[in-house]
Amino acid sequence: MVDRFVVPPIQGQRRKILIVYLDPSNFKNIGDGHTIADQINEVLGPYDLGVIAASNDRIGGWQLMYRMLQTGEWQIADTCPKLIEAIPSRMHDEKRPGDVLKVPGDPLDDVADDVRYGLYTFINASEKPRELRLREALKPLAARVCR
């Protein structure tokens, strides 16, 4: 992830990544005193990035995503071919009205879920996540110390 999205410069500058969301289940202790989120944060830390738990509201996320597509509030660029393929291939879950059927092992399922997590969590956040506020507040101090 870092080698593909964080390290390569675009027009001579690093990408401006604001937030990295992760499935909330990755914040649970895996038995050795660490979480998957901790391990990912160790890798992202040197790049001033860290993961934040995404919203797990599947139905709310799907409803928001489809509404925003219908109204034009959200548009998908042609540079996202997997997402363009994923969205129309999702099926309603007959057992959970308003939800989309989860298809384990289907890469397009993961693509659609990733977008749902990010879009719903970002749109519904009442304020910037605590980690992002702290990072922004400490950045000027770190710059002074490092001179």
Protein backbone atom coordinates (compact mmCIF):
# COMPACT_ATOMS: atom_id res chain seq x y z
CA MET A 1 0.00 0.00 0.00
CA VAL A 2 2.75 2.44 0.93
CA ASP A 3 4.86 1.61 -2.12
CA ARG A 4 1.88 2.02 -4.43
CA PHE A 5 -0.03 4.96 -2.98
CA VAL A 6 2.13 6.93 -0.54
CA VAL A 7 5.74 6.86 -1.76
CA PRO A 8 5.44 7.57 -5.52
CA PRO A 9 5.30 11.32 -6.13
CA ILE A 10 2.69 12.86 -8.38
CA GLN A 11 3.98 15.88 -10.27
CA GLY A 12 6.96 15.93 -7.93
CA GLN A 13 4.93 15.94 -4.71
CA ARG A 14 3.64 13.34 -2.31
CA ARG A 15 -0.08 12.56 -2.53
CA LYS A 16 -2.25 14.42 -0.07
CA ILE A 17 -3.86 11.56 1.85
CA LEU A 18 -6.18 12.90 4.53
CA ILE A 19 -7.57 9.80 6.18
CA VAL A 20 -7.06 6.05 6.04
CA TYR A 21 -10.12 4.06 7.15
CA LEU A 22 -9.98 0.46 8.30
CA ASP A 23 -12.64 -2.11 9.16
CA PRO A 24 -13.35 -1.77 12.91
CA SER A 25 -12.67 -5.48 13.48
CA ASN A 26 -8.98 -4.74 12.87
CA PHE A 27 -8.80 -2.75 16.12
CA LYS A 28 -9.37 -5.83 18.32
CA ASN A 29 -6.44 -7.39 20.17
CA ILE A 30 -5.23 -10.44 18.23
CA GLY A 31 -3.80 -12.12 21.31
CA ASP A 32 -0.24 -10.83 21.36
CA GLY A 33 -0.94 -7.35 22.75
CA HIS A 34 -1.25 -5.82 19.29
CA THR A 35 -4.01 -5.16 16.83
CA ILE A 36 -3.88 -5.31 13.06
CA ALA A 37 -4.48 -1.55 13.18
CA ASP A 38 -1.37 -1.14 15.39
CA GLN A 39 0.71 -3.09 12.89
CA ILE A 40 -0.54 -1.01 9.96
CA ASN A 41 0.07 2.19 11.92
CA GLU A 42 3.69 1.14 12.46
CA VAL A 43 4.12 1.06 8.68
CA LEU A 44 2.17 4.28 8.04
CA GLY A 45 3.64 6.26 10.95
CA PRO A 46 6.80 7.44 9.15
CA TYR A 47 4.53 9.02 6.52
CA ASP A 48 2.39 10.89 9.09
CA LEU A 49 -0.55 8.58 8.42
CA GLY A 50 -2.58 6.26 10.60
CA VAL A 51 -5.75 4.20 10.33
CA ILE A 52 -9.11 5.21 11.78
CA ALA A 53 -12.03 2.84 12.36
CA ALA A 54 -14.63 3.11 9.62
CA SER A 55 -18.37 3.01 10.24
CA ASN A 56 -19.88 -0.47 10.22
CA ASP A 57 -23.37 0.73 9.24
CA ARG A 58 -23.79 -1.34 6.09
CA ILE A 59 -27.36 -0.35 5.31
CA GLY A 60 -26.79 3.35 5.94
CA GLY A 61 -23.62 3.21 3.86
CA TRP A 62 -25.28 1.52 0.87
CA GLN A 63 -28.25 3.87 1.00
CA LEU A 64 -26.00 6.94 1.10
CA MET A 65 -23.81 5.65 -1.71
CA TYR A 66 -26.70 4.89 -4.06
CA ARG A 67 -28.51 8.15 -3.22
CA MET A 68 -25.37 10.18 -3.92
CA LEU A 69 -24.90 8.39 -7.23
CA GLN A 70 -28.53 9.04 -8.23
CA THR A 71 -28.41 12.74 -7.34
CA GLY A 72 -24.97 13.34 -8.85
CA GLU A 73 -23.48 14.35 -5.47
CA TRP A 74 -20.88 11.64 -6.03
CA GLN A 75 -19.40 10.65 -9.34
CA ILE A 76 -16.97 7.88 -10.18
CA ALA A 77 -14.03 8.68 -12.44
CA ASP A 78 -13.12 6.40 -15.33
CA THR A 79 -9.83 5.81 -13.52
CA CYS A 80 -11.76 3.48 -11.16
CA PRO A 81 -12.65 0.57 -13.48
CA LYS A 82 -13.02 -1.99 -10.67
CA LEU A 83 -15.47 0.24 -8.83
CA ILE A 84 -17.42 0.85 -12.03
CA GLU A 85 -17.59 -2.94 -12.45
CA ALA A 86 -18.37 -3.62 -8.77
CA ILE A 87 -21.36 -1.40 -8.11
CA PRO A 88 -23.83 -2.76 -10.69
CA SER A 89 -22.79 -6.34 -9.86
CA ARG A 90 -23.97 -6.11 -6.23
CA MET A 91 -27.23 -7.89 -5.32
CA HIS A 92 -29.75 -7.03 -2.59
CA ASP A 93 -29.62 -9.24 0.49
CA GLU A 94 -33.04 -10.90 0.72
CA LYS A 95 -32.52 -11.56 4.46
CA ARG A 96 -31.59 -7.95 5.33
CA PRO A 97 -33.74 -5.32 3.61
CA GLY A 98 -31.65 -2.35 2.50
CA ASP A 99 -28.39 -4.30 2.66
CA VAL A 100 -26.28 -5.68 -0.15
CA LEU A 101 -25.42 -9.38 -0.21
CA LYS A 102 -21.92 -10.07 1.15
CA VAL A 103 -19.95 -12.34 -1.19
CA PRO A 104 -16.84 -13.63 0.64
CA GLY A 105 -13.87 -14.13 -1.66
CA ASP A 106 -15.24 -11.88 -4.41
CA PRO A 107 -12.70 -9.08 -5.05
CA LEU A 108 -15.47 -6.82 -6.38
CA ASP A 109 -17.29 -7.25 -3.05
CA ASP A 110 -14.22 -5.86 -1.29
CA VAL A 111 -14.00 -2.93 -3.72
CA ALA A 112 -17.64 -1.99 -3.09
CA ASP A 113 -17.27 -2.42 0.69
CA ASP A 114 -14.15 -0.25 0.77
CA VAL A 115 -15.94 2.59 -0.97
CA ARG A 116 -18.99 2.23 1.26
CA TYR A 117 -16.82 2.39 4.38
CA GLY A 118 -14.90 5.43 3.26
CA LEU A 119 -17.75 7.43 1.78
CA TYR A 120 -20.18 6.84 4.64
CA THR A 121 -17.62 7.42 7.36
CA PHE A 122 -16.22 10.56 5.72
CA ILE A 123 -19.62 12.11 4.96
CA ASN A 124 -21.09 11.33 8.38
CA ALA A 125 -18.12 12.35 10.51
CA SER A 126 -19.26 15.27 12.64
CA GLU A 127 -15.72 16.46 12.98
CA LYS A 128 -12.22 15.46 11.95
CA PRO A 129 -11.08 12.28 13.67
CA ARG A 130 -9.10 12.89 16.87
CA GLU A 131 -5.91 11.40 15.39
CA LEU A 132 -6.05 13.79 12.42
CA ARG A 133 -6.71 16.83 14.65
CA LEU A 134 -3.75 15.89 16.87
CA ARG A 135 -1.44 15.31 13.91
CA GLU A 136 -2.35 18.70 12.42
CA ALA A 137 -1.88 20.44 15.78
CA LEU A 138 1.53 18.86 16.37
CA LYS A 139 2.89 19.37 12.85
CA PRO A 140 4.09 22.99 13.43
CA LEU A 141 5.75 21.94 16.69
CA ALA A 142 7.53 19.04 15.01
CA ALA A 143 8.76 21.35 12.26
CA ARG A 144 10.32 23.70 14.84
CA VAL A 145 12.00 20.86 16.74
CA CYS A 146 13.42 19.33 13.56
CA ARG A 147 15.12 22.54 12.35
